[in-house]
Amino acid sequence: MQHCLASIARIGVACSEESPGDRMDIKDVVMELNIIKKVFLGAGNHGERHIRMQLPAEGTSQLGGD
């Protein structure tokens, strides 16, 4: 749950960049939120899953469960 919440917070920060060009694309936001949802709902059945996400400033955003 902590990993999911941290990932949601990172998305919020990425969406709040001062410059519109630096903000996350809405398609990426929706995709990553759906992945977080799947990981969160699946964690109870498959054990703890770890989420990795890079902020846009660090490169392309990638989120996924192990």
PDB file of N, CA and C in Angstrom:
ATOM      1  N   MET A   1       0.825  -1.190   0.000  1.00  0.00           N
ATOM      2  CA  MET A   1       0.000   0.000   0.000  1.00  0.00           C
ATOM      3  C   MET A   1       0.874   1.261   0.000  1.00  0.00           C
ATOM      4  N   GLN A   2       1.975   1.243   0.761  1.00  0.00           N
ATOM      5  CA  GLN A   2       2.856   2.407   0.807  1.00  0.00           C
ATOM      6  C   GLN A   2       3.451   2.699  -0.565  1.00  0.00           C
ATOM      7  N   HIS A   3       3.798   1.663  -1.301  1.00  0.00           N
ATOM      8  CA  HIS A   3       4.364   1.858  -2.643  1.00  0.00           C
ATOM      9  C   HIS A   3       3.329   2.493  -3.571  1.00  0.00           C
ATOM     10  N   CYS A   4       2.085   2.042  -3.460  1.00  0.00           N
ATOM     11  CA  CYS A   4       1.027   2.611  -4.297  1.00  0.00           C
ATOM     12  C   CYS A   4       0.805   4.080  -3.971  1.00  0.00           C
ATOM     13  N   LEU A   5       0.737   4.399  -2.684  1.00  0.00           N
ATOM     14  CA  LEU A   5       0.533   5.795  -2.278  1.00  0.00           C
ATOM     15  C   LEU A   5       1.700   6.680  -2.715  1.00  0.00           C
ATOM     16  N   ALA A   6       2.928   6.160  -2.583  1.00  0.00           N
ATOM     17  CA  ALA A   6       4.100   6.933  -3.008  1.00  0.00           C
ATOM     18  C   ALA A   6       4.056   7.176  -4.515  1.00  0.00           C
ATOM     19  N   SER A   7       3.636   6.193  -5.271  1.00  0.00           N
ATOM     20  CA  SER A   7       3.546   6.352  -6.726  1.00  0.00           C
ATOM     21  C   SER A   7       2.483   7.366  -7.113  1.00  0.00           C
ATOM     22  N   ILE A   8       1.355   7.352  -6.408  1.00  0.00           N
ATOM     23  CA  ILE A   8       0.302   8.333  -6.672  1.00  0.00           C
ATOM     24  C   ILE A   8       0.809   9.739  -6.359  1.00  0.00           C
ATOM     25  N   ALA A   9       1.554   9.878  -5.263  1.00  0.00           N
ATOM     26  CA  ALA A   9       2.115  11.188  -4.913  1.00  0.00           C
ATOM     27  C   ALA A   9       3.097  11.663  -5.977  1.00  0.00           C
ATOM     28  N   ARG A  10       3.924  10.739  -6.496  1.00  0.00           N
ATOM     29  CA  ARG A  10       4.881  11.103  -7.551  1.00  0.00           C
ATOM     30  C   ARG A  10       4.157  11.580  -8.809  1.00  0.00           C
ATOM     31  N   ILE A  11       3.059  10.918  -9.137  1.00  0.00           N
ATOM     32  CA  ILE A  11       2.277  11.339 -10.296  1.00  0.00           C
ATOM     33  C   ILE A  11       1.719  12.739 -10.059  1.00  0.00           C
ATOM     34  N   GLY A  12       1.222  12.993  -8.864  1.00  0.00           N
ATOM     35  CA  GLY A  12       0.700  14.318  -8.528  1.00  0.00           C
ATOM     36  C   GLY A  12       1.749  15.401  -8.676  1.00  0.00           C
ATOM     37  N   VAL A  13       2.960  15.104  -8.215  1.00  0.00           N
ATOM     38  CA  VAL A  13       4.058  16.067  -8.348  1.00  0.00           C
ATOM     39  C   VAL A  13       4.385  16.288  -9.821  1.00  0.00           C
ATOM     40  N   ALA A  14       4.428  15.207 -10.589  1.00  0.00           N
ATOM     41  CA  ALA A  14       4.745  15.313 -12.018  1.00  0.00           C
ATOM     42  C   ALA A  14       3.671  16.099 -12.770  1.00  0.00           C
ATOM     43  N   CYS A  15       2.435  16.035 -12.296  1.00  0.00           N
ATOM     44  CA  CYS A  15       1.337  16.773 -12.927  1.00  0.00           C
ATOM     45  C   CYS A  15       1.302  18.229 -12.486  1.00  0.00           C
ATOM     46  N   SER A  16       2.066  18.560 -11.458  1.00  0.00           N
ATOM     47  CA  SER A  16       2.040  19.912 -10.889  1.00  0.00           C
ATOM     48  C   SER A  16       3.244  20.755 -11.286  1.00  0.00           C
ATOM     49  N   GLU A  17       4.012  20.273 -12.236  1.00  0.00           N
ATOM     50  CA  GLU A  17       5.190  21.034 -12.675  1.00  0.00           C
ATOM     51  C   GLU A  17       4.752  22.426 -13.113  1.00  0.00           C
ATOM     52  N   GLU A  18       5.589  23.398 -12.855  1.00  0.00           N
ATOM     53  CA  GLU A  18       5.254  24.786 -13.182  1.00  0.00           C
ATOM     54  C   GLU A  18       5.061  24.985 -14.687  1.00  0.00           C
ATOM     55  N   SER A  19       5.962  24.436 -15.466  1.00  0.00           N
ATOM     56  CA  SER A  19       5.883  24.578 -16.919  1.00  0.00           C
ATOM     57  C   SER A  19       4.977  23.490 -17.506  1.00  0.00           C
ATOM     58  N   PRO A  20       3.975  23.870 -18.283  1.00  0.00           N
ATOM     59  CA  PRO A  20       3.087  22.873 -18.884  1.00  0.00           C
ATOM     60  C   PRO A  20       3.826  21.808 -19.697  1.00  0.00           C
ATOM     61  N   GLY A  21       4.905  22.189 -20.331  1.00  0.00           N
ATOM     62  CA  GLY A  21       5.663  21.229 -21.128  1.00  0.00           C
ATOM     63  C   GLY A  21       6.365  20.166 -20.303  1.00  0.00           C
ATOM     64  N   ASP A  22       6.576  20.461 -19.024  1.00  0.00           N
ATOM     65  CA  ASP A  22       7.247  19.512 -18.138  1.00  0.00           C
ATOM     66  C   ASP A  22       6.269  18.581 -17.417  1.00  0.00           C
ATOM     67  N   ARG A  23       4.971  18.862 -17.541  1.00  0.00           N
ATOM     68  CA  ARG A  23       3.966  18.049 -16.857  1.00  0.00           C
ATOM     69  C   ARG A  23       3.782  16.717 -17.558  1.00  0.00           C
ATOM     70  N   MET A  24       3.327  15.728 -16.794  1.00  0.00           N
ATOM     71  CA  MET A  24       3.034  14.405 -17.350  1.00  0.00           C
ATOM     72  C   MET A  24       1.879  14.495 -18.325  1.00  0.00           C
ATOM     73  N   ASP A  25       1.967  13.751 -19.401  1.00  0.00           N
ATOM     74  CA  ASP A  25       0.880  13.660 -20.364  1.00  0.00           C
ATOM     75  C   ASP A  25      -0.281  12.902 -19.715  1.00  0.00           C
ATOM     76  N   ILE A  26      -1.498  13.346 -19.939  1.00  0.00           N
ATOM     77  CA  ILE A  26      -2.666  12.751 -19.290  1.00  0.00           C
ATOM     78  C   ILE A  26      -2.828  11.275 -19.652  1.00  0.00           C
ATOM     79  N   LYS A  27      -2.436  10.890 -20.858  1.00  0.00           N
ATOM     80  CA  LYS A  27      -2.521   9.476 -21.251  1.00  0.00           C
ATOM     81  C   LYS A  27      -1.598   8.635 -20.376  1.00  0.00           C
ATOM     82  N   ASP A  28      -0.405   9.157 -20.077  1.00  0.00           N
ATOM     83  CA  ASP A  28       0.528   8.450 -19.200  1.00  0.00           C
ATOM     84  C   ASP A  28      -0.005   8.390 -17.772  1.00  0.00           C
ATOM     85  N   VAL A  29      -0.642   9.466 -17.331  1.00  0.00           N
ATOM     86  CA  VAL A  29      -1.224   9.494 -15.982  1.00  0.00           C
ATOM     87  C   VAL A  29      -2.269   8.396 -15.851  1.00  0.00           C
ATOM     88  N   VAL A  30      -3.183   8.328 -16.804  1.00  0.00           N
ATOM     89  CA  VAL A  30      -4.249   7.325 -16.762  1.00  0.00           C
ATOM     90  C   VAL A  30      -3.659   5.923 -16.801  1.00  0.00           C
ATOM     91  N   MET A  31      -2.687   5.691 -17.673  1.00  0.00           N
ATOM     92  CA  MET A  31      -2.065   4.378 -17.787  1.00  0.00           C
ATOM     93  C   MET A  31      -1.415   3.971 -16.464  1.00  0.00           C
ATOM     94  N   GLU A  32      -0.655   4.874 -15.873  1.00  0.00           N
ATOM     95  CA  GLU A  32       0.059   4.553 -14.645  1.00  0.00           C
ATOM     96  C   GLU A  32      -0.883   4.390 -13.458  1.00  0.00           C
ATOM     97  N   LEU A  33      -1.941   5.186 -13.390  1.00  0.00           N
ATOM     98  CA  LEU A  33      -2.923   5.010 -12.321  1.00  0.00           C
ATOM     99  C   LEU A  33      -3.630   3.663 -12.440  1.00  0.00           C
ATOM    100  N   ASN A  34      -3.908   3.229 -13.661  1.00  0.00           N
ATOM    101  CA  ASN A  34      -4.499   1.906 -13.861  1.00  0.00           C
ATOM    102  C   ASN A  34      -3.553   0.797 -13.419  1.00  0.00           C
ATOM    103  N   ILE A  35      -2.271   0.961 -13.682  1.00  0.00           N
ATOM    104  CA  ILE A  35      -1.284  -0.026 -13.240  1.00  0.00           C
ATOM    105  C   ILE A  35      -1.231  -0.064 -11.714  1.00  0.00           C
ATOM    106  N   ILE A  36      -1.227   1.101 -11.081  1.00  0.00           N
ATOM    107  CA  ILE A  36      -1.219   1.158  -9.616  1.00  0.00           C
ATOM    108  C   ILE A  36      -2.447   0.435  -9.070  1.00  0.00           C
ATOM    109  N   LYS A  37      -3.587   0.678  -9.681  1.00  0.00           N
ATOM    110  CA  LYS A  37      -4.826   0.027  -9.251  1.00  0.00           C
ATOM    111  C   LYS A  37      -4.704  -1.490  -9.341  1.00  0.00           C
ATOM    112  N   LYS A  38      -4.185  -1.974 -10.465  1.00  0.00           N
ATOM    113  CA  LYS A  38      -4.031  -3.420 -10.648  1.00  0.00           C
ATOM    114  C   LYS A  38      -3.052  -4.007  -9.633  1.00  0.00           C
ATOM    115  N   VAL A  39      -1.953  -3.318  -9.387  1.00  0.00           N
ATOM    116  CA  VAL A  39      -0.970  -3.790  -8.411  1.00  0.00           C
ATOM    117  C   VAL A  39      -1.589  -3.798  -7.020  1.00  0.00           C
ATOM    118  N   PHE A  40      -2.295  -2.737  -6.671  1.00  0.00           N
ATOM    119  CA  PHE A  40      -2.901  -2.639  -5.340  1.00  0.00           C
ATOM    120  C   PHE A  40      -3.932  -3.739  -5.142  1.00  0.00           C
ATOM    121  N   LEU A  41      -4.796  -3.931  -6.108  1.00  0.00           N
ATOM    122  CA  LEU A  41      -5.832  -4.959  -5.979  1.00  0.00           C
ATOM    123  C   LEU A  41      -5.255  -6.365  -6.053  1.00  0.00           C
ATOM    124  N   GLY A  42      -4.141  -6.523  -6.772  1.00  0.00           N
ATOM    125  CA  GLY A  42      -3.528  -7.839  -6.902  1.00  0.00           C
ATOM    126  C   GLY A  42      -2.577  -8.191  -5.776  1.00  0.00           C
ATOM    127  N   ALA A  43      -2.169  -7.207  -4.992  1.00  0.00           N
ATOM    128  CA  ALA A  43      -1.181  -7.450  -3.936  1.00  0.00           C
ATOM    129  C   ALA A  43      -1.695  -8.426  -2.890  1.00  0.00           C
ATOM    130  N   GLY A  44      -2.980  -8.392  -2.600  1.00  0.00           N
ATOM    131  CA  GLY A  44      -3.527  -9.293  -1.594  1.00  0.00           C
ATOM    132  C   GLY A  44      -3.490 -10.745  -2.024  1.00  0.00           C
ATOM    133  N   ASN A  45      -3.568 -11.002  -3.324  1.00  0.00           N
ATOM    134  CA  ASN A  45      -3.585 -12.366  -3.829  1.00  0.00           C
ATOM    135  C   ASN A  45      -2.211 -12.899  -4.202  1.00  0.00           C
ATOM    136  N   HIS A  46      -1.271 -12.029  -4.512  1.00  0.00           N
ATOM    137  CA  HIS A  46       0.008 -12.465  -5.028  1.00  0.00           C
ATOM    138  C   HIS A  46       1.180 -11.998  -4.177  1.00  0.00           C
ATOM    139  N   GLY A  47       0.947 -11.585  -2.962  1.00  0.00           N
ATOM    140  CA  GLY A  47       2.018 -11.090  -2.108  1.00  0.00           C
ATOM    141  C   GLY A  47       2.350  -9.655  -2.438  1.00  0.00           C
ATOM    142  N   GLU A  48       3.333  -9.105  -1.740  1.00  0.00           N
ATOM    143  CA  GLU A  48       3.707  -7.696  -1.946  1.00  0.00           C
ATOM    144  C   GLU A  48       4.390  -7.532  -3.292  1.00  0.00           C
ATOM    145  N   ARG A  49       3.988  -6.529  -4.013  1.00  0.00           N
ATOM    146  CA  ARG A  49       4.613  -6.186  -5.297  1.00  0.00           C
ATOM    147  C   ARG A  49       5.252  -4.828  -5.148  1.00  0.00           C
ATOM    148  N   HIS A  50       6.361  -4.641  -5.815  1.00  0.00           N
ATOM    149  CA  HIS A  50       7.069  -3.366  -5.730  1.00  0.00           C
ATOM    150  C   HIS A  50       6.810  -2.560  -6.992  1.00  0.00           C
ATOM    151  N   ILE A  51       6.634  -1.273  -6.819  1.00  0.00           N
ATOM    152  CA  ILE A  51       6.363  -0.363  -7.928  1.00  0.00           C
ATOM    153  C   ILE A  51       7.587   0.505  -8.140  1.00  0.00           C
ATOM    154  N   ARG A  52       8.030   0.604  -9.386  1.00  0.00           N
ATOM    155  CA  ARG A  52       9.146   1.482  -9.722  1.00  0.00           C
ATOM    156  C   ARG A  52       8.636   2.523 -10.691  1.00  0.00           C
ATOM    157  N   MET A  53       8.954   3.764 -10.412  1.00  0.00           N
ATOM    158  CA  MET A  53       8.530   4.838 -11.296  1.00  0.00           C
ATOM    159  C   MET A  53       9.597   5.911 -11.314  1.00  0.00           C
ATOM    160  N   GLN A  54       9.945   6.367 -12.503  1.00  0.00           N
ATOM    161  CA  GLN A  54      10.881   7.468 -12.640  1.00  0.00           C
ATOM    162  C   GLN A  54      10.086   8.719 -12.933  1.00  0.00           C
ATOM    163  N   LEU A  55      10.454   9.802 -12.271  1.00  0.00           N
ATOM    164  CA  LEU A  55       9.826  11.082 -12.584  1.00  0.00           C
ATOM    165  C   LEU A  55      10.265  11.529 -13.960  1.00  0.00           C
ATOM    166  N   PRO A  56       9.471  12.325 -14.640  1.00  0.00           N
ATOM    167  CA  PRO A  56       9.831  12.793 -15.992  1.00  0.00           C
ATOM    168  C   PRO A  56      11.211  13.422 -16.067  1.00  0.00           C
ATOM    169  N   ALA A  57      11.638  14.106 -15.004  1.00  0.00           N
ATOM    170  CA  ALA A  57      12.952  14.735 -15.014  1.00  0.00           C
ATOM    171  C   ALA A  57      14.067  13.694 -15.031  1.00  0.00           C
ATOM    172  N   GLU A  58      13.767  12.482 -14.593  1.00  0.00           N
ATOM    173  CA  GLU A  58      14.739  11.400 -14.561  1.00  0.00           C
ATOM    174  C   GLU A  58      14.709  10.566 -15.825  1.00  0.00           C
ATOM    175  N   GLY A  59      13.798  10.810 -16.688  1.00  0.00           N
ATOM    176  CA  GLY A  59      13.664  10.013 -17.909  1.00  0.00           C
ATOM    177  C   GLY A  59      12.218   9.649 -18.111  1.00  0.00           C
ATOM    178  N   THR A  60      11.986   8.687 -18.956  1.00  0.00           N
ATOM    179  CA  THR A  60      10.626   8.267 -19.261  1.00  0.00           C
ATOM    180  C   THR A  60      10.011   7.614 -18.043  1.00  0.00           C
ATOM    181  N   SER A  61       8.781   7.945 -17.779  1.00  0.00           N
ATOM    182  CA  SER A  61       8.072   7.381 -16.645  1.00  0.00           C
ATOM    183  C   SER A  61       7.742   5.925 -16.924  1.00  0.00           C
ATOM    184  N   GLN A  62       8.102   5.060 -15.978  1.00  0.00           N
ATOM    185  CA  GLN A  62       7.785   3.645 -16.121  1.00  0.00           C
ATOM    186  C   GLN A  62       7.317   3.133 -14.787  1.00  0.00           C
ATOM    187  N   LEU A  63       6.190   2.484 -14.793  1.00  0.00           N
ATOM    188  CA  LEU A  63       5.617   1.969 -13.573  1.00  0.00           C
ATOM    189  C   LEU A  63       5.239   0.536 -13.833  1.00  0.00           C
ATOM    190  N   GLY A  64       5.538  -0.321 -12.912  1.00  0.00           N
ATOM    191  CA  GLY A  64       5.136  -1.702 -13.104  1.00  0.00           C
ATOM    192  C   GLY A  64       5.362  -2.518 -11.857  1.00  0.00           C
ATOM    193  N   GLY A  65       4.689  -3.616 -11.781  1.00  0.00           N
ATOM    194  CA  GLY A  65       4.844  -4.519 -10.649  1.00  0.00           C
ATOM    195  C   GLY A  65       5.864  -5.576 -10.976  1.00  0.00           C
ATOM    196  N   ASP A  66       6.547  -6.070  -9.945  1.00  0.00           N
ATOM    197  CA  ASP A  66       7.518  -7.159 -10.134  1.00  0.00           C
ATOM    198  C   ASP A  66       6.825  -8.484 -10.153  1.00  0.00           C
TER     199      ASP A  66
END
